[in-house]
Amino acid sequence: MANRLQGKVALITGGTNGIGRAAVYGLSEEGAQIVFTGNNAKAGAEIAGETGSVFVQHAVQDVDGWTQVKQAILQHYGRLDITFSNAGTNAGDSDIETVEIDAWKNLIDVNLTGMMLAIKASIELMKNNPDQSGGSIILNSSINGILALAGDVTYSTTKGALRLLTKSTAVHLAKTQTGIRCNSIHPGVIETPLIQGAIAGAPDPAAARSMLEGIAPLGRLGSMEEIVSLLIYLASDDAKFVTGSEIVIDGGSTAGLPGV
């Protein structure tokens, strides 16, 4: 079904690579008008040119920079209907004994505070939509918000915290009758450029791919297109009764142990 997002305006953070980039293209193809953010100005300009979207160079943890993002949305489109808060990182992370405090703080800033700031900015704009139509806020968490990684303590902590940030936000927005929904998605191992690079750089790429594919009982990696399909559903009016949910898309990785 095409044009499910016709007439809607979407904000996508971390939109210059990986799942965020795929979301810009995918939501645009469904009729949404897009404002997206990221750190890579060159990639942002290319994507904006190919999709007709608006790019704002911005790091989500930059509090003051959110003013520019909101201004761009209002200047170009005058409303906001959808937010996909996607930007995140695991750079510099480690286990609890060896993680450095600077890395811990940076990941908290990007993965958690950046999400909170995206939510606050989105609510402000959505509440002032001319037709009082509400909106849909989607946070990109991870299966590692459910099953922790021993070697990525900060990443796991932030992704777990997003579950309750989502639910607290959703209940608040429902109680105040804003018409705004908030949900989180929890991807498993997805074949992004980052994962492709890790496989290619492994001593035995075939073994690395096999190991990653074996994490999911379905026996394969997820695709970015499958993530985008879930986003389109959550962003659309088909999901008007869905809020406060954590939706796992992981090929069964968190459901149980294959072969046991």
Protein backbone atom coordinates (compact mmCIF):
# COMPACT_ATOMS: atom_id res chain seq x y z
CA MET A 1 0.00 0.00 0.00
CA ALA A 2 1.63 3.23 -1.15
CA ASN A 3 1.30 6.76 0.20
CA ARG A 4 0.30 5.65 3.70
CA LEU A 5 2.06 8.74 5.06
CA GLN A 6 0.78 11.22 2.49
CA GLY A 7 0.43 14.70 3.99
CA LYS A 8 2.48 13.86 7.08
CA VAL A 9 5.75 15.50 8.12
CA ALA A 10 8.47 13.39 9.72
CA LEU A 11 11.63 14.13 11.70
CA ILE A 12 14.37 11.49 11.56
CA THR A 13 17.52 11.78 13.67
CA GLY A 14 20.70 10.00 12.65
CA GLY A 15 19.42 10.03 9.10
CA THR A 16 22.69 10.02 7.17
CA ASN A 17 23.57 6.33 7.51
CA GLY A 18 22.26 2.88 8.32
CA ILE A 19 18.68 2.46 9.47
CA GLY A 20 18.15 6.22 9.68
CA ARG A 21 19.16 6.71 6.06
CA ALA A 22 16.88 3.86 4.98
CA ALA A 23 14.06 5.49 6.94
CA VAL A 24 14.48 8.78 5.08
CA TYR A 25 14.08 7.01 1.75
CA GLY A 26 11.35 4.65 2.93
CA LEU A 27 9.09 7.21 4.60
CA SER A 28 9.59 9.59 1.70
CA GLU A 29 8.43 6.89 -0.72
CA GLU A 30 5.26 6.55 1.37
CA GLY A 31 4.48 10.23 0.87
CA ALA A 32 5.95 11.81 4.01
CA GLN A 33 7.84 15.09 3.88
CA ILE A 34 11.09 14.66 5.77
CA VAL A 35 13.40 16.75 7.92
CA PHE A 36 16.41 14.68 8.98
CA THR A 37 19.50 15.33 11.06
CA GLY A 38 23.01 13.94 11.35
CA ASN A 39 26.67 14.85 11.63
CA ASN A 40 27.73 14.04 8.06
CA ALA A 41 27.04 17.15 5.99
CA LYS A 42 28.14 15.61 2.68
CA ALA A 43 25.92 12.55 3.07
CA GLY A 44 23.08 14.75 4.29
CA ALA A 45 23.25 16.93 1.20
CA GLU A 46 23.27 13.89 -1.10
CA ILE A 47 20.28 12.27 0.59
CA ALA A 48 18.36 15.55 0.67
CA GLY A 49 18.97 16.01 -3.05
CA GLU A 50 17.80 12.50 -3.89
CA THR A 51 14.68 12.52 -1.71
CA GLY A 52 13.62 16.16 -1.72
CA SER A 53 14.02 16.18 2.07
CA VAL A 54 15.46 18.86 4.34
CA PHE A 55 18.78 18.19 6.10
CA VAL A 56 19.88 19.92 9.31
CA GLN A 57 23.39 19.20 10.56
CA HIS A 58 22.88 18.56 14.26
CA ALA A 59 24.07 16.28 17.05
CA VAL A 60 21.11 15.13 19.15
CA GLN A 61 22.85 15.84 22.46
CA ASP A 62 23.29 19.52 21.49
CA VAL A 63 20.56 21.18 23.54
CA ASP A 64 20.75 24.58 21.88
CA GLY A 65 20.84 23.06 18.40
CA TRP A 66 17.29 21.75 18.80
CA THR A 67 16.05 25.29 18.25
CA GLN A 68 17.43 25.19 14.71
CA VAL A 69 15.84 21.80 14.07
CA LYS A 70 12.41 22.98 15.23
CA GLN A 71 12.73 26.16 13.19
CA ALA A 72 13.57 24.17 10.05
CA ILE A 73 10.49 21.97 10.51
CA LEU A 74 8.18 24.93 11.01
CA GLN A 75 9.75 27.02 8.26
CA HIS A 76 9.46 24.31 5.62
CA TYR A 77 6.31 22.46 6.62
CA GLY A 78 4.57 24.20 9.53
CA ARG A 79 3.83 20.99 11.42
CA LEU A 80 5.23 17.67 12.70
CA ASP A 81 3.41 14.33 12.64
CA ILE A 82 6.12 11.67 13.00
CA THR A 83 9.43 11.43 14.82
CA PHE A 84 11.86 8.56 14.44
CA SER A 85 14.49 9.16 17.11
CA ASN A 86 17.22 6.95 15.78
CA ALA A 87 20.64 8.51 16.46
CA GLY A 88 22.84 6.41 18.70
CA THR A 89 26.37 5.12 19.25
CA ASN A 90 28.41 2.49 21.06
CA ALA A 91 31.75 4.23 20.44
CA GLY A 92 34.28 3.69 23.21
CA ASP A 93 32.08 1.35 25.23
CA SER A 94 33.46 -1.54 27.25
CA ASP A 95 32.61 -3.79 30.20
CA ILE A 96 31.80 -2.43 33.65
CA GLU A 97 35.36 -2.82 34.93
CA THR A 98 37.14 -1.10 32.05
CA VAL A 99 34.69 1.47 30.68
CA GLU A 100 36.09 5.01 30.86
CA ILE A 101 33.95 7.73 32.41
CA ASP A 102 34.21 9.96 29.32
CA ALA A 103 32.89 7.17 27.11
CA TRP A 104 30.10 6.47 29.61
CA LYS A 105 29.04 10.12 29.66
CA ASN A 106 29.16 10.45 25.87
CA LEU A 107 26.97 7.40 25.31
CA ILE A 108 24.49 8.59 27.93
CA ASP A 109 24.38 12.00 26.23
CA VAL A 110 23.76 10.61 22.74
CA ASN A 111 21.71 7.49 23.38
CA LEU A 112 19.54 8.68 26.25
CA THR A 113 19.62 12.45 26.68
CA GLY A 114 19.47 12.91 22.91
CA MET A 115 16.32 10.78 22.80
CA MET A 116 14.75 12.76 25.63
CA LEU A 117 15.48 16.02 23.83
CA ALA A 118 13.98 14.65 20.61
CA ILE A 119 10.82 13.68 22.46
CA LYS A 120 10.47 17.08 24.11
CA ALA A 121 10.97 18.95 20.84
CA SER A 122 8.52 16.65 19.06
CA ILE A 123 5.79 17.05 21.66
CA GLU A 124 6.13 20.82 21.51
CA LEU A 125 5.60 20.84 17.76
CA MET A 126 2.96 18.11 17.60
CA LYS A 127 0.78 19.77 20.24
CA ASN A 128 0.68 22.87 18.04
CA ASN A 129 -0.28 21.16 14.79
CA PRO A 130 -2.95 23.34 13.15
CA ASP A 131 -5.51 20.50 13.09
CA GLN A 132 -4.65 19.13 16.57
CA SER A 133 -4.01 15.76 14.96
CA GLY A 134 -1.46 14.47 17.47
CA GLY A 135 1.45 12.40 16.20
CA SER A 136 3.65 9.34 16.50
CA ILE A 137 7.04 9.22 18.24
CA ILE A 138 9.20 6.13 17.67
CA LEU A 139 12.43 5.48 19.57
CA ASN A 140 15.07 3.13 18.18
CA SER A 141 16.26 0.94 21.04
CA SER A 142 17.74 -2.54 20.53
CA ILE A 143 17.39 -6.13 21.65
CA ASN A 144 20.32 -5.17 23.89
CA GLY A 145 17.84 -3.13 25.88
CA ILE A 146 16.32 -6.52 26.74
CA LEU A 147 19.36 -8.83 26.69
CA ALA A 148 22.48 -7.01 27.87
CA LEU A 149 25.91 -7.18 26.27
CA ALA A 150 28.67 -7.84 28.83
CA GLY A 151 31.21 -5.93 26.77
CA ASP A 152 28.97 -2.90 26.11
CA VAL A 153 27.69 -1.90 29.52
CA THR A 154 26.79 1.69 28.66
CA TYR A 155 25.08 0.85 25.38
CA SER A 156 23.01 -1.85 27.08
CA THR A 157 22.13 0.50 29.94
CA THR A 158 20.97 3.28 27.66
CA LYS A 159 18.96 0.98 25.41
CA GLY A 160 17.27 -0.55 28.45
CA ALA A 161 16.44 2.89 29.81
CA LEU A 162 14.70 3.77 26.55
CA ARG A 163 12.05 1.15 27.30
CA LEU A 164 10.82 3.04 30.34
CA LEU A 165 11.39 6.46 28.77
CA THR A 166 9.00 5.30 26.06
CA LYS A 167 6.38 4.00 28.48
CA SER A 168 6.50 7.01 30.81
CA THR A 169 6.15 9.34 27.82
CA ALA A 170 3.31 7.30 26.32
CA VAL A 171 1.28 7.24 29.54
CA HIS A 172 1.80 10.96 30.11
CA LEU A 173 0.72 11.82 26.57
CA ALA A 174 -2.34 9.58 26.82
CA LYS A 175 -3.41 10.99 30.20
CA THR A 176 -3.10 14.54 28.91
CA GLN A 177 -5.11 13.63 25.79
CA THR A 178 -2.61 14.99 23.31
CA GLY A 179 -3.30 12.38 20.64
CA ILE A 180 0.45 11.71 20.51
CA ARG A 181 1.67 8.11 20.69
CA CYS A 182 5.11 6.87 21.72
CA ASN A 183 6.58 3.43 21.03
CA SER A 184 10.02 1.83 20.93
CA ILE A 185 11.41 -0.65 18.44
CA HIS A 186 14.04 -3.25 19.33
CA PRO A 187 15.94 -4.52 16.28
CA GLY A 188 18.11 -7.59 16.41
CA VAL A 189 21.15 -8.00 14.17
CA ILE A 190 20.34 -6.01 11.04
CA GLU A 191 22.42 -6.01 7.86
CA THR A 192 23.49 -2.38 8.00
CA PRO A 193 26.69 -1.01 6.44
CA LEU A 194 28.25 -1.20 9.91
CA ILE A 195 27.50 -4.92 10.21
CA GLN A 196 28.60 -5.54 6.62
CA GLY A 197 31.89 -3.81 7.39
CA ALA A 198 32.41 -5.88 10.53
CA ILE A 199 31.81 -9.09 8.57
CA ALA A 200 34.14 -8.05 5.76
CA GLY A 201 36.87 -7.07 8.22
CA ALA A 202 36.76 -10.32 10.18
CA PRO A 203 39.57 -12.86 9.75
CA ASP A 204 37.01 -15.31 8.38
CA PRO A 205 34.07 -13.32 6.91
CA ALA A 206 32.03 -16.43 6.17
CA ALA A 207 32.35 -17.64 9.76
CA ALA A 208 31.52 -14.16 11.07
CA ARG A 209 28.36 -14.02 8.96
CA SER A 210 27.35 -17.50 10.06
CA MET A 211 27.83 -16.58 13.71
CA LEU A 212 25.71 -13.43 13.40
CA GLU A 213 23.01 -15.23 11.43
CA GLY A 214 22.89 -17.91 14.11
CA ILE A 215 21.83 -15.41 16.77
CA ALA A 216 18.28 -15.44 15.40
CA PRO A 217 16.26 -18.68 15.35
CA LEU A 218 15.13 -17.67 11.85
CA GLY A 219 18.76 -18.13 10.84
CA ARG A 220 19.45 -14.89 9.03
CA LEU A 221 20.13 -11.19 9.48
CA GLY A 222 17.27 -8.73 9.38
CA SER A 223 17.10 -6.17 6.59
CA MET A 224 16.83 -2.42 6.89
CA GLU A 225 13.75 -2.59 4.66
CA GLU A 226 12.03 -4.75 7.30
CA ILE A 227 12.76 -2.13 9.96
CA VAL A 228 11.39 0.61 7.72
CA SER A 229 8.19 -1.38 7.14
CA LEU A 230 7.64 -1.49 10.91
CA LEU A 231 8.32 2.24 11.16
CA ILE A 232 5.77 2.99 8.44
CA TYR A 233 3.13 1.00 10.30
CA LEU A 234 3.83 2.74 13.64
CA ALA A 235 3.87 6.14 11.95
CA SER A 236 0.61 5.54 10.11
CA ASP A 237 -3.00 5.85 11.23
CA ASP A 238 -3.17 2.03 11.20
CA ALA A 239 -1.39 2.12 14.58
CA LYS A 240 -3.62 4.68 16.29
CA PHE A 241 -4.29 2.32 19.23
CA VAL A 242 -0.62 1.38 19.68
CA THR A 243 1.26 3.33 22.34
CA GLY A 244 3.71 2.50 25.12
CA SER A 245 4.73 -0.67 23.30
CA GLU A 246 8.18 -2.14 22.87
CA ILE A 247 8.15 -3.93 19.54
CA VAL A 248 10.87 -6.51 19.00
CA ILE A 249 11.97 -7.21 15.42
CA ASP A 250 14.77 -9.74 15.82
CA GLY A 251 13.98 -13.02 14.07
CA GLY A 252 13.19 -14.62 17.43
CA SER A 253 16.52 -13.77 19.09
CA THR A 254 14.94 -12.77 22.40
CA ALA A 255 12.26 -15.48 22.35
CA GLY A 256 14.45 -18.38 23.41
CA LEU A 257 17.54 -20.44 22.72
CA PRO A 258 17.48 -22.25 19.37
CA GLY A 259 18.02 -25.98 19.66
CA VAL A 260 17.43 -26.11 23.43
